[in-house]
Amino acid sequence: MSHDVILRIGTKLILPFILLFALYVQFHGDYGPGGGFQAGVIVAAAVILVTITFGLRTARRIAPRAVVERMVPLGVFIFAATGIVSLFTGRNYLDYSNFAHDPLDAHFIGIFAVEAGVLVTVAGTMIALFYAFIERGR
């Protein structure tokens, strides 16, 4: 792989745009198709592209196994905490009205927090699955 200069340069050039597109999908998820799941898969695909192009050692520096394993419960915690905040204020689970005075702003903040949790969980799960499959033959 060390002689694939075009592939390496192409990956370095396109990787920031892949991550930027993941952010776009994350932020646009409240207004149209997209959201945390799709953005998480795109982030995981970027890590997989780095692994294919530069090798597992480089990918492990970008997304270490310890961080990836902590991402899954962290995303679930973000999702659950968003709902629990509503319970502590006497409202229904995932009732976003306590996040802001304006109901529209509160809805946006609540949905964004939930989708952020989904992004973290999905990206962590997909990368962990990829690491498990790639290490299986070793």
Protein backbone atom coordinates (compact mmCIF):
# COMPACT_ATOMS: atom_id res chain seq x y z
CA MET A 1 0.00 0.00 0.00
CA SER A 2 2.92 2.35 0.39
CA HIS A 3 3.08 2.89 -3.37
CA ASP A 4 -0.53 3.99 -3.76
CA VAL A 5 0.27 7.70 -3.75
CA ILE A 6 -2.87 8.74 -5.61
CA LEU A 7 -5.10 6.80 -3.22
CA ARG A 8 -3.37 8.27 -0.17
CA ILE A 9 -3.52 11.86 -1.44
CA GLY A 10 -7.13 11.39 -2.58
CA THR A 11 -8.09 10.08 0.84
CA LYS A 12 -6.38 12.98 2.58
CA LEU A 13 -8.18 15.44 0.33
CA ILE A 14 -11.65 13.90 0.57
CA LEU A 15 -11.66 12.96 4.27
CA PRO A 16 -12.47 16.47 5.59
CA PHE A 17 -15.36 16.71 3.13
CA ILE A 18 -16.72 13.33 4.27
CA LEU A 19 -16.69 14.51 7.88
CA LEU A 20 -18.20 17.86 6.89
CA PHE A 21 -20.98 16.02 5.07
CA ALA A 22 -21.59 13.94 8.21
CA LEU A 23 -22.02 17.16 10.18
CA TYR A 24 -24.38 18.49 7.52
CA VAL A 25 -26.48 15.33 7.71
CA GLN A 26 -26.50 15.60 11.51
CA PHE A 27 -27.62 19.22 11.58
CA HIS A 28 -30.06 18.81 8.69
CA GLY A 29 -31.76 15.81 10.32
CA ASP A 30 -34.31 18.03 12.04
CA TYR A 31 -35.52 19.50 8.75
CA GLY A 32 -35.36 16.61 6.31
CA PRO A 33 -33.95 13.14 5.71
CA GLY A 34 -30.89 12.41 7.77
CA GLY A 35 -29.88 12.64 11.34
CA GLY A 36 -27.79 10.80 13.86
CA PHE A 37 -27.92 7.33 12.34
CA GLN A 38 -26.86 8.41 8.88
CA ALA A 39 -24.20 10.77 10.22
CA GLY A 40 -22.82 8.03 12.47
CA VAL A 41 -22.50 5.65 9.53
CA ILE A 42 -20.74 8.34 7.48
CA VAL A 43 -18.25 8.97 10.30
CA ALA A 44 -17.62 5.22 10.59
CA ALA A 45 -17.15 5.01 6.81
CA ALA A 46 -14.47 7.71 7.07
CA VAL A 47 -12.59 5.62 9.66
CA ILE A 48 -12.96 2.54 7.44
CA LEU A 49 -11.58 4.50 4.48
CA VAL A 50 -8.57 5.52 6.55
CA THR A 51 -8.05 1.89 7.57
CA ILE A 52 -8.21 0.66 3.98
CA THR A 53 -5.87 3.36 2.74
CA PHE A 54 -3.33 3.77 5.54
CA GLY A 55 -3.69 0.60 7.57
CA LEU A 56 -5.12 -0.42 10.92
CA ARG A 57 -2.35 1.20 12.96
CA THR A 58 -3.17 4.65 11.58
CA ALA A 59 -6.89 4.14 12.10
CA ARG A 60 -6.24 3.09 15.69
CA ARG A 61 -4.44 6.38 16.28
CA ILE A 62 -7.48 8.27 14.98
CA ALA A 63 -10.09 6.08 16.70
CA PRO A 64 -8.49 4.01 19.46
CA ARG A 65 -10.33 0.90 20.56
CA ALA A 66 -10.81 2.24 24.11
CA VAL A 67 -12.50 5.38 22.79
CA VAL A 68 -14.65 3.41 20.37
CA GLU A 69 -15.81 1.06 23.12
CA ARG A 70 -16.79 4.02 25.29
CA MET A 71 -18.70 5.73 22.48
CA VAL A 72 -21.55 3.21 22.48
CA PRO A 73 -22.65 3.66 26.12
CA LEU A 74 -21.87 7.39 25.95
CA GLY A 75 -24.36 7.85 23.11
CA VAL A 76 -27.00 5.87 24.97
CA PHE A 77 -26.32 8.01 28.05
CA ILE A 78 -26.77 11.23 26.03
CA PHE A 79 -30.07 9.92 24.65
CA ALA A 80 -31.33 8.77 28.04
CA ALA A 81 -30.15 11.89 29.85
CA THR A 82 -32.13 14.05 27.45
CA GLY A 83 -35.28 12.25 28.51
CA ILE A 84 -34.40 12.05 32.17
CA VAL A 85 -34.01 15.81 32.36
CA SER A 86 -37.65 16.03 31.34
CA LEU A 87 -38.67 13.55 34.04
CA PHE A 88 -36.89 15.52 36.75
CA THR A 89 -38.83 18.64 35.82
CA GLY A 90 -42.18 16.82 36.09
CA ARG A 91 -42.80 16.31 32.40
CA ASN A 92 -43.04 13.23 30.22
CA TYR A 93 -39.94 11.37 29.06
CA LEU A 94 -38.41 13.17 26.04
CA ASP A 95 -40.71 16.18 26.47
CA TYR A 96 -38.40 18.92 25.24
CA SER A 97 -40.41 21.89 26.51
CA ASN A 98 -38.03 22.53 29.43
CA PHE A 99 -34.97 23.10 27.21
CA ALA A 100 -36.03 26.62 26.14
CA HIS A 101 -38.86 29.10 26.62
CA ASP A 102 -39.91 28.97 22.98
CA PRO A 103 -41.43 25.55 22.15
CA LEU A 104 -39.84 25.53 18.69
CA ASP A 105 -36.38 26.20 20.10
CA ALA A 106 -36.91 23.62 22.84
CA HIS A 107 -37.91 21.03 20.25
CA PHE A 108 -34.82 21.79 18.16
CA ILE A 109 -32.47 21.50 21.16
CA GLY A 110 -34.07 18.27 22.37
CA ILE A 111 -34.04 16.59 18.95
CA PHE A 112 -30.45 17.68 18.39
CA ALA A 113 -29.36 16.19 21.72
CA VAL A 114 -31.10 12.89 20.96
CA GLU A 115 -29.62 12.78 17.44
CA ALA A 116 -26.16 13.55 18.83
CA GLY A 117 -26.49 10.55 21.12
CA VAL A 118 -27.54 8.40 18.18
CA LEU A 119 -24.56 9.62 16.12
CA VAL A 120 -22.09 8.72 18.87
CA THR A 121 -23.64 5.29 19.43
CA VAL A 122 -23.93 4.35 15.76
CA ALA A 123 -20.42 5.53 14.88
CA GLY A 124 -18.96 3.65 17.85
CA THR A 125 -20.90 0.49 17.04
CA MET A 126 -19.98 0.49 13.36
CA ILE A 127 -16.29 1.12 14.04
CA ALA A 128 -16.25 -1.54 16.77
CA LEU A 129 -17.86 -4.05 14.40
CA PHE A 130 -15.31 -3.18 11.72
CA TYR A 131 -12.43 -3.60 14.16
CA ALA A 132 -13.86 -6.96 15.29
CA PHE A 133 -14.13 -8.21 11.71
CA ILE A 134 -10.69 -6.99 10.68
CA GLU A 135 -9.01 -8.53 13.73
CA ARG A 136 -10.80 -11.84 13.35
CA GLY A 137 -8.24 -13.23 10.92
CA ARG A 138 -5.21 -12.30 13.03
